[in-house]
Amino acid sequence: MSEETHIIQFTQTNDGKVLLSCDSLPSGAIIRYEINYPRKKLFVTAGAYLAPIETPSGSMILARVFLGKKGISDTQSFQTPTNQSQPEQSTPSTLIACTQNRDFQIYDWQSRHQSILDYHRQYEPDLILLGDSITHFWGGQPQDNPANPNGNVATDIWDDLFSSYRASNLGYGYDRIENALWRIEHGELDHTVSNPLIIIHIGTNNLSENSDDDIIQGMDHLLGIIKTKKPNARLIVHGILPREIDENHTTWERLTALNPQLEICARSHQSDFISFGEEFLTADKKINTTLISDGVHPNRKGYEIIAKHLKRLIGT
C-alpha cells in the first residue's frame, strides 16, 4: 500500500477551525495529528483526529494516516494563517486543546473518552476527578482495565472516601493539561450535576515538555473553561506530586517554585488548593519508594496519603 496514495486535505472553516479529511481513507484507518510538533514524522502515539482542530493563528498541524500501528501515508503539514492584526507569538502547547495516544499499549484514548460520556449519561455524577494516570490508577469508574503497574490496590480507599458521591474517574494515562482541556471542551462535564465537586490533579506529564509559565497559563485556561461549563462547581486543585528523574534526582526542587504559582492560579478561580508532595520524599529529597513504587505512581500507602488530605477538604 503506497504512502503517496493517501492525501490528507486540510480545510479552514469560517470560524477558524481546521477540518482533516482523506478521500482514500481505508476501512479502519484513522488520521492522527500533532500541533507545533518538533519532529518531521508522526508515530502511532500522535493524537487521533476526533473533531475539528482549533488552533491559534500561525500554528503548524502535522497529520498522517494510520492503519492500526502502521503509518500508511506521508506526514503532511498545514500552517494556519497568521493573524496580521496581531504580532506573531508562540502559543504554549498547554493552551491548544488536543487529543493524544501516548498510552496506546495500555488502552485506547478514544474509547476511554466514549466510555466516560456513556457513563455520565447513565449516572450523572456529582464528583469528578480530572487527571492523568495517577488518578486513573486509583479506582472508581469507568476503569477500562488499565494495565496498572500497582495493581489497582487502592480501590477500597477510593470507595471509602467517595462512598457518599456518584464519583467519576476522568484520569487518562499520559494526559497533559491540553488533553484534559480537549476532553472538557468535548463533553466530559456534560450530564453531570449542576454543582459538582471537581478535583483536578494534572500537570506532571507537562514537566518534561513545558516551562512553568506554560503550565500556569494552561491551568488558568483549563480552570476558566471548567468554570464556564459548570459555574456552580466547587473546585479543588491538587499540587503536582514529585516524580523521579533518575535515581539521584526528582522534580521536587522545581515544584517548590511551581506549586505555589499553581495555588495562586487556583485561588484566582475561587478554587481550593492542596499540596503535600514533600510527604512522598525521603529526608534527602529522593522518592520514598514505600509510597511511590515506580518513581511516578503512588502505591496503596501513597493513595492513603492523598485520601487523608482530600478527606480534610470534602469532609467525608
C-alpha atoms as a PDB file:
ATOM      1  CA  MET A   1       0.000   0.000   0.000  1.00  0.00           C
ATOM      2  CA  SER A   2       1.712   3.171  -1.177  1.00  0.00           C
ATOM      3  CA  GLU A   3       2.021   6.026   1.264  1.00  0.00           C
ATOM      4  CA  GLU A   4       1.638   8.596  -1.521  1.00  0.00           C
ATOM      5  CA  THR A   5      -1.928   7.495  -2.336  1.00  0.00           C
ATOM      6  CA  HIS A   6      -3.411   8.726   0.967  1.00  0.00           C
ATOM      7  CA  ILE A   7      -3.537  12.509   0.744  1.00  0.00           C
ATOM      8  CA  ILE A   8      -4.933  14.440   3.702  1.00  0.00           C
ATOM      9  CA  GLN A   9      -6.967  17.552   2.954  1.00  0.00           C
ATOM     10  CA  PHE A  10      -6.823  20.476   5.379  1.00  0.00           C
ATOM     11  CA  THR A  11      -9.881  22.745   5.187  1.00  0.00           C
ATOM     12  CA  GLN A  12     -10.046  26.007   7.114  1.00  0.00           C
ATOM     13  CA  THR A  13     -13.603  26.883   8.167  1.00  0.00           C
ATOM     14  CA  ASN A  14     -15.033  30.382   8.549  1.00  0.00           C
ATOM     15  CA  ASP A  15     -14.783  30.156  12.344  1.00  0.00           C
ATOM     16  CA  GLY A  16     -11.064  29.326  12.216  1.00  0.00           C
ATOM     17  CA  LYS A  17     -11.276  25.585  12.804  1.00  0.00           C
ATOM     18  CA  VAL A  18      -9.380  23.112  10.640  1.00  0.00           C
ATOM     19  CA  LEU A  19     -11.055  20.017   9.223  1.00  0.00           C
ATOM     20  CA  LEU A  20      -8.972  16.998   8.194  1.00  0.00           C
ATOM     21  CA  SER A  21     -10.183  14.518   5.604  1.00  0.00           C
ATOM     22  CA  CYS A  22      -8.847  11.839   3.287  1.00  0.00           C
ATOM     23  CA  ASP A  23     -10.839  10.659   0.289  1.00  0.00           C
ATOM     24  CA  SER A  24      -8.940   7.367   0.113  1.00  0.00           C
ATOM     25  CA  LEU A  25      -9.150   6.510   3.806  1.00  0.00           C
ATOM     26  CA  PRO A  26      -9.166   2.682   4.080  1.00  0.00           C
ATOM     27  CA  SER A  27     -11.616   0.890   6.364  1.00  0.00           C
ATOM     28  CA  GLY A  28     -10.327   1.043   9.939  1.00  0.00           C
ATOM     29  CA  ALA A  29      -7.764   3.745   9.192  1.00  0.00           C
ATOM     30  CA  ILE A  30      -7.549   6.953  11.211  1.00  0.00           C
ATOM     31  CA  ILE A  31      -5.864  10.334  10.853  1.00  0.00           C
ATOM     32  CA  ARG A  32      -3.503  11.250  13.695  1.00  0.00           C
ATOM     33  CA  TYR A  33      -2.099  14.712  14.264  1.00  0.00           C
ATOM     34  CA  GLU A  34       0.119  16.948  16.368  1.00  0.00           C
ATOM     35  CA  ILE A  35       0.194  20.746  16.694  1.00  0.00           C
ATOM     36  CA  ASN A  36       3.536  22.583  16.683  1.00  0.00           C
ATOM     37  CA  TYR A  37       5.292  19.198  16.771  1.00  0.00           C
ATOM     38  CA  PRO A  38       9.120  19.411  16.859  1.00  0.00           C
ATOM     39  CA  ARG A  39       9.854  16.408  14.600  1.00  0.00           C
ATOM     40  CA  LYS A  40       9.118  15.783  10.928  1.00  0.00           C
ATOM     41  CA  LYS A  41       7.425  12.377  11.159  1.00  0.00           C
ATOM     42  CA  LEU A  42       4.432  11.264  13.222  1.00  0.00           C
ATOM     43  CA  PHE A  43       4.144   7.968  15.065  1.00  0.00           C
ATOM     44  CA  VAL A  44       1.163   5.992  16.335  1.00  0.00           C
ATOM     45  CA  THR A  45       1.393   7.860  19.653  1.00  0.00           C
ATOM     46  CA  ALA A  46       0.153  11.058  17.988  1.00  0.00           C
ATOM     47  CA  GLY A  47      -3.378  12.201  18.798  1.00  0.00           C
ATOM     48  CA  ALA A  48      -6.303  10.766  16.877  1.00  0.00           C
ATOM     49  CA  TYR A  49      -8.407  13.187  14.860  1.00  0.00           C
ATOM     50  CA  LEU A  50     -11.733  13.145  16.702  1.00  0.00           C
ATOM     51  CA  ALA A  51     -13.142  16.609  15.972  1.00  0.00           C
ATOM     52  CA  PRO A  52     -12.370  19.892  14.182  1.00  0.00           C
ATOM     53  CA  ILE A  53      -8.991  21.175  15.323  1.00  0.00           C
ATOM     54  CA  GLU A  54      -8.936  24.626  16.898  1.00  0.00           C
ATOM     55  CA  THR A  55      -5.537  26.289  16.833  1.00  0.00           C
ATOM     56  CA  PRO A  56      -4.142  29.795  17.192  1.00  0.00           C
ATOM     57  CA  SER A  57      -3.091  31.563  14.023  1.00  0.00           C
ATOM     58  CA  GLY A  58       0.301  30.579  12.704  1.00  0.00           C
ATOM     59  CA  SER A  59       0.182  27.053  14.175  1.00  0.00           C
ATOM     60  CA  MET A  60       1.673  24.116  12.306  1.00  0.00           C
ATOM     61  CA  ILE A  61      -0.504  20.993  12.130  1.00  0.00           C
ATOM     62  CA  LEU A  62       1.160  17.740  11.135  1.00  0.00           C
ATOM     63  CA  ALA A  63      -1.064  14.785  10.183  1.00  0.00           C
ATOM     64  CA  ARG A  64      -0.615  11.227   8.991  1.00  0.00           C
ATOM     65  CA  VAL A  65      -2.911   8.290   8.188  1.00  0.00           C
ATOM     66  CA  PHE A  66      -2.509   5.141  10.311  1.00  0.00           C
ATOM     67  CA  LEU A  67      -3.988   1.689   9.916  1.00  0.00           C
ATOM     68  CA  GLY A  68      -3.564   0.094  13.314  1.00  0.00           C
ATOM     69  CA  LYS A  69       0.019   0.845  14.380  1.00  0.00           C
ATOM     70  CA  LYS A  70       1.323   1.314  10.829  1.00  0.00           C
ATOM     71  CA  GLY A  71       1.611   4.716   9.203  1.00  0.00           C
ATOM     72  CA  ILE A  72       0.268   4.380   5.658  1.00  0.00           C
ATOM     73  CA  SER A  73       0.789   7.945   4.434  1.00  0.00           C
ATOM     74  CA  ASP A  74       3.495  10.529   4.458  1.00  0.00           C
ATOM     75  CA  THR A  75       3.395  13.087   7.272  1.00  0.00           C
ATOM     76  CA  GLN A  76       1.607  16.098   5.801  1.00  0.00           C
ATOM     77  CA  SER A  77       1.503  19.635   7.130  1.00  0.00           C
ATOM     78  CA  PHE A  78      -0.713  22.682   7.239  1.00  0.00           C
ATOM     79  CA  GLN A  79       0.000  26.066   8.798  1.00  0.00           C
ATOM     80  CA  THR A  80      -2.957  28.120   9.929  1.00  0.00           C
ATOM     81  CA  PRO A  81      -2.813  31.664   8.567  1.00  0.00           C
ATOM     82  CA  THR A  82      -1.170  34.270  10.754  1.00  0.00           C
ATOM     83  CA  ASN A  83      -3.457  36.982  12.080  1.00  0.00           C
ATOM     84  CA  GLN A  84      -1.888  40.094  10.583  1.00  0.00           C
ATOM     85  CA  SER A  85      -3.629  42.397  13.073  1.00  0.00           C
ATOM     86  CA  GLN A  86      -1.661  40.901  15.959  1.00  0.00           C
ATOM     87  CA  PRO A  87       2.064  40.347  16.373  1.00  0.00           C
ATOM     88  CA  GLU A  88       3.047  36.736  15.825  1.00  0.00           C
ATOM     89  CA  GLN A  89       4.000  34.931  19.014  1.00  0.00           C
ATOM     90  CA  SER A  90       4.408  31.338  20.060  1.00  0.00           C
ATOM     91  CA  THR A  91       1.368  29.836  21.772  1.00  0.00           C
ATOM     92  CA  PRO A  92       2.180  27.358  24.558  1.00  0.00           C
ATOM     93  CA  SER A  93       1.011  23.826  23.784  1.00  0.00           C
ATOM     94  CA  THR A  94      -0.861  23.856  27.107  1.00  0.00           C
ATOM     95  CA  LEU A  95      -3.367  26.290  25.559  1.00  0.00           C
ATOM     96  CA  ILE A  96      -4.078  24.210  22.445  1.00  0.00           C
ATOM     97  CA  ALA A  97      -6.717  21.566  23.151  1.00  0.00           C
ATOM     98  CA  CYS A  98      -5.752  18.270  21.517  1.00  0.00           C
ATOM     99  CA  THR A  99      -6.126  14.511  21.749  1.00  0.00           C
ATOM    100  CA  GLN A 100      -3.296  12.045  22.400  1.00  0.00           C
ATOM    101  CA  ASN A 101      -2.400   8.396  22.026  1.00  0.00           C
ATOM    102  CA  ARG A 102       0.724   8.104  24.166  1.00  0.00           C
ATOM    103  CA  ASP A 103      -0.654   5.227  26.255  1.00  0.00           C
ATOM    104  CA  PHE A 104      -1.916   3.194  23.292  1.00  0.00           C
ATOM    105  CA  GLN A 105      -0.258  -0.005  24.545  1.00  0.00           C
ATOM    106  CA  ILE A 106      -2.483   0.071  27.652  1.00  0.00           C
ATOM    107  CA  TYR A 107      -5.826   1.277  26.300  1.00  0.00           C
ATOM    108  CA  ASP A 108      -7.417   3.299  23.538  1.00  0.00           C
ATOM    109  CA  TRP A 109      -7.751   7.003  24.424  1.00  0.00           C
ATOM    110  CA  GLN A 110     -10.741   7.492  22.135  1.00  0.00           C
ATOM    111  CA  SER A 111     -12.579   4.523  23.644  1.00  0.00           C
ATOM    112  CA  ARG A 112     -11.986   5.821  27.153  1.00  0.00           C
ATOM    113  CA  HIS A 113     -13.424   9.190  26.164  1.00  0.00           C
ATOM    114  CA  GLN A 114     -16.543   7.472  24.839  1.00  0.00           C
ATOM    115  CA  SER A 115     -16.794   5.286  27.958  1.00  0.00           C
ATOM    116  CA  ILE A 116     -16.822   8.397  30.132  1.00  0.00           C
ATOM    117  CA  LEU A 117     -19.501  10.079  28.027  1.00  0.00           C
ATOM    118  CA  ASP A 118     -21.658   6.942  28.251  1.00  0.00           C
ATOM    119  CA  TYR A 119     -21.050   6.577  31.992  1.00  0.00           C
ATOM    120  CA  HIS A 120     -22.111  10.179  32.638  1.00  0.00           C
ATOM    121  CA  ARG A 121     -25.297   9.797  30.628  1.00  0.00           C
ATOM    122  CA  GLN A 122     -26.231   6.842  32.806  1.00  0.00           C
ATOM    123  CA  TYR A 123     -25.183   8.046  36.270  1.00  0.00           C
ATOM    124  CA  GLU A 124     -24.953  11.881  36.180  1.00  0.00           C
ATOM    125  CA  PRO A 125     -22.038  12.029  38.650  1.00  0.00           C
ATOM    126  CA  ASP A 126     -21.701  14.677  41.304  1.00  0.00           C
ATOM    127  CA  LEU A 127     -17.971  14.236  41.900  1.00  0.00           C
ATOM    128  CA  ILE A 128     -15.316  14.319  39.169  1.00  0.00           C
ATOM    129  CA  LEU A 129     -11.615  13.540  39.462  1.00  0.00           C
ATOM    130  CA  LEU A 130      -9.837  15.023  36.445  1.00  0.00           C
ATOM    131  CA  GLY A 131      -6.277  13.920  35.865  1.00  0.00           C
ATOM    132  CA  ASP A 132      -3.723  11.578  34.354  1.00  0.00           C
ATOM    133  CA  SER A 133      -2.667   8.015  35.185  1.00  0.00           C
ATOM    134  CA  ILE A 134      -2.171   8.897  38.863  1.00  0.00           C
ATOM    135  CA  THR A 135      -5.919   9.470  39.002  1.00  0.00           C
ATOM    136  CA  HIS A 136      -6.774   6.672  36.578  1.00  0.00           C
ATOM    137  CA  PHE A 137      -4.907   4.011  38.565  1.00  0.00           C
ATOM    138  CA  TRP A 138      -6.589   4.878  41.845  1.00  0.00           C
ATOM    139  CA  GLY A 139     -10.033   3.311  41.409  1.00  0.00           C
ATOM    140  CA  GLY A 140     -13.622   4.119  40.555  1.00  0.00           C
ATOM    141  CA  GLN A 141     -15.425   4.010  37.234  1.00  0.00           C
ATOM    142  CA  PRO A 142     -15.006   3.830  34.342  1.00  0.00           C
ATOM    143  CA  GLN A 143     -11.692   1.985  34.589  1.00  0.00           C
ATOM    144  CA  ASP A 144     -11.250   0.484  31.082  1.00  0.00           C
ATOM    145  CA  ASN A 145      -8.979  -2.162  32.633  1.00  0.00           C
ATOM    146  CA  PRO A 146      -5.721  -0.190  32.544  1.00  0.00           C
ATOM    147  CA  ALA A 147      -2.506  -2.163  32.934  1.00  0.00           C
ATOM    148  CA  ASN A 148      -1.775  -0.527  36.257  1.00  0.00           C
ATOM    149  CA  PRO A 149       1.746  -1.342  37.463  1.00  0.00           C
ATOM    150  CA  ASN A 150       0.494  -1.036  41.047  1.00  0.00           C
ATOM    151  CA  GLY A 151      -2.402  -3.435  40.576  1.00  0.00           C
ATOM    152  CA  ASN A 152      -5.234  -1.017  41.486  1.00  0.00           C
ATOM    153  CA  VAL A 153      -4.560  -1.843  45.122  1.00  0.00           C
ATOM    154  CA  ALA A 154      -6.259   1.359  46.335  1.00  0.00           C
ATOM    155  CA  THR A 155      -9.790   0.728  45.055  1.00  0.00           C
ATOM    156  CA  ASP A 156     -11.083   0.279  48.590  1.00  0.00           C
ATOM    157  CA  ILE A 157      -9.593   3.639  49.602  1.00  0.00           C
ATOM    158  CA  TRP A 158     -11.422   5.284  46.682  1.00  0.00           C
ATOM    159  CA  ASP A 159     -14.669   3.536  47.597  1.00  0.00           C
ATOM    160  CA  ASP A 160     -14.424   4.562  51.239  1.00  0.00           C
ATOM    161  CA  LEU A 161     -13.558   8.212  50.553  1.00  0.00           C
ATOM    162  CA  PHE A 162     -16.208   8.764  47.894  1.00  0.00           C
ATOM    163  CA  SER A 163     -18.942   6.483  49.214  1.00  0.00           C
ATOM    164  CA  SER A 164     -21.430   9.339  49.564  1.00  0.00           C
ATOM    165  CA  TYR A 165     -20.894  10.522  45.972  1.00  0.00           C
ATOM    166  CA  ARG A 166     -21.593   9.312  42.458  1.00  0.00           C
ATOM    167  CA  ALA A 167     -17.934   9.647  41.563  1.00  0.00           C
ATOM    168  CA  SER A 168     -16.394   9.510  38.099  1.00  0.00           C
ATOM    169  CA  ASN A 169     -12.729   8.870  37.305  1.00  0.00           C
ATOM    170  CA  LEU A 170     -11.580  11.158  34.492  1.00  0.00           C
ATOM    171  CA  GLY A 171      -7.951  10.074  34.679  1.00  0.00           C
ATOM    172  CA  TYR A 172      -6.144   9.190  31.432  1.00  0.00           C
ATOM    173  CA  GLY A 173      -2.660   7.711  31.139  1.00  0.00           C
ATOM    174  CA  TYR A 174      -0.046  10.207  29.897  1.00  0.00           C
ATOM    175  CA  ASP A 175      -2.547  13.069  29.717  1.00  0.00           C
ATOM    176  CA  ARG A 176      -1.289  16.617  29.807  1.00  0.00           C
ATOM    177  CA  ILE A 177      -3.165  19.829  30.528  1.00  0.00           C
ATOM    178  CA  GLU A 178      -4.002  20.349  26.854  1.00  0.00           C
ATOM    179  CA  ASN A 179      -5.534  16.865  26.617  1.00  0.00           C
ATOM    180  CA  ALA A 180      -7.729  17.458  29.665  1.00  0.00           C
ATOM    181  CA  LEU A 181      -8.740  20.742  28.048  1.00  0.00           C
ATOM    182  CA  TRP A 182      -9.898  18.899  24.904  1.00  0.00           C
ATOM    183  CA  ARG A 183     -11.890  16.429  26.971  1.00  0.00           C
ATOM    184  CA  ILE A 184     -13.693  19.150  28.907  1.00  0.00           C
ATOM    185  CA  GLU A 185     -14.417  21.037  25.678  1.00  0.00           C
ATOM    186  CA  HIS A 186     -15.856  17.827  24.178  1.00  0.00           C
ATOM    187  CA  GLY A 187     -18.445  16.793  26.689  1.00  0.00           C
ATOM    188  CA  GLU A 188     -16.843  15.199  29.737  1.00  0.00           C
ATOM    189  CA  LEU A 189     -18.670  17.559  32.101  1.00  0.00           C
ATOM    190  CA  ASP A 190     -21.956  17.125  30.269  1.00  0.00           C
ATOM    191  CA  HIS A 191     -24.570  15.024  32.065  1.00  0.00           C
ATOM    192  CA  THR A 192     -23.109  15.833  35.475  1.00  0.00           C
ATOM    193  CA  VAL A 193     -24.997  17.683  38.193  1.00  0.00           C
ATOM    194  CA  SER A 194     -25.083  21.480  38.032  1.00  0.00           C
ATOM    195  CA  ASN A 195     -22.852  21.900  41.085  1.00  0.00           C
ATOM    196  CA  PRO A 196     -20.334  19.036  41.036  1.00  0.00           C
ATOM    197  CA  LEU A 197     -17.232  18.751  43.170  1.00  0.00           C
ATOM    198  CA  ILE A 198     -14.299  18.622  40.734  1.00  0.00           C
ATOM    199  CA  ILE A 199     -10.841  17.576  41.916  1.00  0.00           C
ATOM    200  CA  ILE A 200      -8.083  18.431  39.422  1.00  0.00           C
ATOM    201  CA  HIS A 201      -4.698  16.738  39.545  1.00  0.00           C
ATOM    202  CA  ILE A 202      -2.811  17.217  36.286  1.00  0.00           C
ATOM    203  CA  GLY A 203       0.448  18.653  35.006  1.00  0.00           C
ATOM    204  CA  THR A 204       3.110  16.069  35.820  1.00  0.00           C
ATOM    205  CA  ASN A 205       3.332  14.979  32.166  1.00  0.00           C
ATOM    206  CA  ASN A 206       3.864  18.595  31.117  1.00  0.00           C
ATOM    207  CA  LEU A 207       7.014  18.910  33.219  1.00  0.00           C
ATOM    208  CA  SER A 208       9.257  17.444  30.516  1.00  0.00           C
ATOM    209  CA  GLU A 209       7.687  19.472  27.687  1.00  0.00           C
ATOM    210  CA  ASN A 210       6.722  22.867  29.093  1.00  0.00           C
ATOM    211  CA  SER A 211       8.045  25.749  31.151  1.00  0.00           C
ATOM    212  CA  ASP A 212       6.496  26.665  34.481  1.00  0.00           C
ATOM    213  CA  ASP A 213       4.820  29.643  32.819  1.00  0.00           C
ATOM    214  CA  ASP A 214       3.326  27.375  30.133  1.00  0.00           C
ATOM    215  CA  ILE A 215       1.898  25.123  32.837  1.00  0.00           C
ATOM    216  CA  ILE A 216       0.413  28.040  34.780  1.00  0.00           C
ATOM    217  CA  GLN A 217      -1.144  29.507  31.626  1.00  0.00           C
ATOM    218  CA  GLY A 218      -2.594  26.122  30.737  1.00  0.00           C
ATOM    219  CA  MET A 219      -4.031  25.548  34.195  1.00  0.00           C
ATOM    220  CA  ASP A 220      -5.517  29.039  34.255  1.00  0.00           C
ATOM    221  CA  HIS A 221      -7.206  28.381  30.903  1.00  0.00           C
ATOM    222  CA  LEU A 222      -8.411  24.928  31.972  1.00  0.00           C
ATOM    223  CA  LEU A 223      -9.952  26.231  35.203  1.00  0.00           C
ATOM    224  CA  GLY A 224     -11.619  29.041  33.290  1.00  0.00           C
ATOM    225  CA  ILE A 225     -13.194  26.594  30.836  1.00  0.00           C
ATOM    226  CA  ILE A 226     -14.385  24.365  33.695  1.00  0.00           C
ATOM    227  CA  LYS A 227     -16.000  27.311  35.492  1.00  0.00           C
ATOM    228  CA  THR A 228     -17.653  28.382  32.250  1.00  0.00           C
ATOM    229  CA  LYS A 229     -19.095  24.897  31.793  1.00  0.00           C
ATOM    230  CA  LYS A 230     -20.042  24.471  35.451  1.00  0.00           C
ATOM    231  CA  PRO A 231     -20.197  27.898  37.149  1.00  0.00           C
ATOM    232  CA  ASN A 232     -21.591  26.401  40.364  1.00  0.00           C
ATOM    233  CA  ALA A 233     -18.938  23.718  40.691  1.00  0.00           C
ATOM    234  CA  ARG A 234     -16.647  23.517  43.666  1.00  0.00           C
ATOM    235  CA  LEU A 235     -13.046  23.030  42.510  1.00  0.00           C
ATOM    236  CA  ILE A 236     -10.104  21.510  44.357  1.00  0.00           C
ATOM    237  CA  VAL A 237      -6.742  21.825  42.601  1.00  0.00           C
ATOM    238  CA  HIS A 238      -4.070  19.330  43.590  1.00  0.00           C
ATOM    239  CA  GLY A 239      -0.421  20.401  43.556  1.00  0.00           C
ATOM    240  CA  ILE A 240       1.819  18.305  41.302  1.00  0.00           C
ATOM    241  CA  LEU A 241       3.441  15.396  43.125  1.00  0.00           C
ATOM    242  CA  PRO A 242       7.204  14.890  42.856  1.00  0.00           C
ATOM    243  CA  ARG A 243       8.417  12.294  40.401  1.00  0.00           C
ATOM    244  CA  GLU A 244      11.737  10.609  39.868  1.00  0.00           C
ATOM    245  CA  ILE A 245      14.023  11.949  37.134  1.00  0.00           C
ATOM    246  CA  ASP A 246      16.748   9.410  37.866  1.00  0.00           C
ATOM    247  CA  GLU A 247      17.864   7.552  40.974  1.00  0.00           C
ATOM    248  CA  ASN A 248      19.508  10.686  42.375  1.00  0.00           C
ATOM    249  CA  HIS A 249      17.154  13.443  41.232  1.00  0.00           C
ATOM    250  CA  THR A 250      13.463  14.300  41.473  1.00  0.00           C
ATOM    251  CA  THR A 251      11.286  17.172  40.299  1.00  0.00           C
ATOM    252  CA  TRP A 252      10.849  18.447  43.839  1.00  0.00           C
ATOM    253  CA  GLU A 253      13.186  21.442  43.587  1.00  0.00           C
ATOM    254  CA  ARG A 254      11.246  22.693  40.575  1.00  0.00           C
ATOM    255  CA  LEU A 255       7.897  22.014  42.224  1.00  0.00           C
ATOM    256  CA  THR A 256       8.764  24.118  45.267  1.00  0.00           C
ATOM    257  CA  ALA A 257       8.519  27.098  42.907  1.00  0.00           C
ATOM    258  CA  LEU A 258       5.786  25.813  40.579  1.00  0.00           C
ATOM    259  CA  ASN A 259       3.203  24.575  43.090  1.00  0.00           C
ATOM    260  CA  PRO A 260       2.900  27.943  44.881  1.00  0.00           C
ATOM    261  CA  GLN A 261       2.215  29.523  41.478  1.00  0.00           C
ATOM    262  CA  LEU A 262      -0.450  26.877  40.880  1.00  0.00           C
ATOM    263  CA  GLU A 263      -2.011  27.812  44.204  1.00  0.00           C
ATOM    264  CA  ILE A 264      -2.211  31.484  43.203  1.00  0.00           C
ATOM    265  CA  CYS A 265      -3.802  30.415  39.916  1.00  0.00           C
ATOM    266  CA  ALA A 266      -6.301  28.156  41.685  1.00  0.00           C
ATOM    267  CA  ARG A 267      -7.273  30.813  44.233  1.00  0.00           C
ATOM    268  CA  SER A 268      -7.904  33.282  41.404  1.00  0.00           C
ATOM    269  CA  HIS A 269     -10.672  30.920  40.249  1.00  0.00           C
ATOM    270  CA  GLN A 270     -12.087  30.604  43.793  1.00  0.00           C
ATOM    271  CA  SER A 271     -10.725  27.063  43.971  1.00  0.00           C
ATOM    272  CA  ASP A 272      -9.385  25.224  46.969  1.00  0.00           C
ATOM    273  CA  PHE A 273      -5.779  24.037  46.726  1.00  0.00           C
ATOM    274  CA  ILE A 274      -3.854  21.206  48.381  1.00  0.00           C
ATOM    275  CA  SER A 275      -0.189  20.353  48.120  1.00  0.00           C
ATOM    276  CA  PHE A 276       1.679  17.786  50.195  1.00  0.00           C
ATOM    277  CA  GLY A 277       4.303  16.412  47.819  1.00  0.00           C
ATOM    278  CA  GLU A 278       7.089  16.531  50.380  1.00  0.00           C
ATOM    279  CA  GLU A 279       5.375  13.688  52.236  1.00  0.00           C
ATOM    280  CA  PHE A 280       6.350  11.428  49.310  1.00  0.00           C
ATOM    281  CA  LEU A 281      10.074  12.144  49.752  1.00  0.00           C
ATOM    282  CA  THR A 282      12.788  10.803  51.993  1.00  0.00           C
ATOM    283  CA  ALA A 283      14.888  13.099  54.164  1.00  0.00           C
ATOM    284  CA  ASP A 284      17.398  13.540  51.317  1.00  0.00           C
ATOM    285  CA  LYS A 285      14.598  14.534  48.907  1.00  0.00           C
ATOM    286  CA  LYS A 286      14.509  11.302  46.939  1.00  0.00           C
ATOM    287  CA  ILE A 287      11.278   9.495  46.088  1.00  0.00           C
ATOM    288  CA  ASN A 288      10.077   7.399  49.015  1.00  0.00           C
ATOM    289  CA  THR A 289       9.734   4.009  47.341  1.00  0.00           C
ATOM    290  CA  THR A 290       7.430   2.765  50.091  1.00  0.00           C
ATOM    291  CA  LEU A 291       4.865   5.276  48.782  1.00  0.00           C
ATOM    292  CA  ILE A 292       5.729   5.601  45.067  1.00  0.00           C
ATOM    293  CA  SER A 293       6.995   2.265  43.822  1.00  0.00           C
ATOM    294  CA  ASP A 294       7.798   3.156  40.191  1.00  0.00           C
ATOM    295  CA  GLY A 295       9.027   6.724  40.586  1.00  0.00           C
ATOM    296  CA  VAL A 296       5.711   8.280  39.467  1.00  0.00           C
ATOM    297  CA  HIS A 297       2.559   6.471  40.631  1.00  0.00           C
ATOM    298  CA  PRO A 298       1.535   6.189  44.292  1.00  0.00           C
ATOM    299  CA  ASN A 299       1.015   2.689  45.638  1.00  0.00           C
ATOM    300  CA  ARG A 300      -1.637   1.841  48.208  1.00  0.00           C
ATOM    301  CA  LYS A 301       0.152   3.680  51.008  1.00  0.00           C
ATOM    302  CA  GLY A 302       0.584   6.677  48.723  1.00  0.00           C
ATOM    303  CA  TYR A 303      -3.113   6.820  47.939  1.00  0.00           C
ATOM    304  CA  GLU A 304      -3.839   6.679  51.663  1.00  0.00           C
ATOM    305  CA  ILE A 305      -1.936   9.977  51.986  1.00  0.00           C
ATOM    306  CA  ILE A 306      -3.858  11.555  49.115  1.00  0.00           C
ATOM    307  CA  ALA A 307      -7.161  10.386  50.601  1.00  0.00           C
ATOM    308  CA  LYS A 308      -6.213  11.784  54.013  1.00  0.00           C
ATOM    309  CA  HIS A 309      -5.724  15.275  52.610  1.00  0.00           C
ATOM    310  CA  LEU A 310      -8.805  15.182  50.408  1.00  0.00           C
ATOM    311  CA  LYS A 311     -10.927  13.946  53.312  1.00  0.00           C
ATOM    312  CA  ARG A 312      -9.957  17.060  55.253  1.00  0.00           C
ATOM    313  CA  LEU A 313     -11.429  19.203  52.471  1.00  0.00           C
ATOM    314  CA  ILE A 314     -14.511  17.258  51.419  1.00  0.00           C
ATOM    315  CA  GLY A 315     -15.469  16.163  54.906  1.00  0.00           C
ATOM    316  CA  THR A 316     -16.349  12.513  54.293  1.00  0.00           C
END
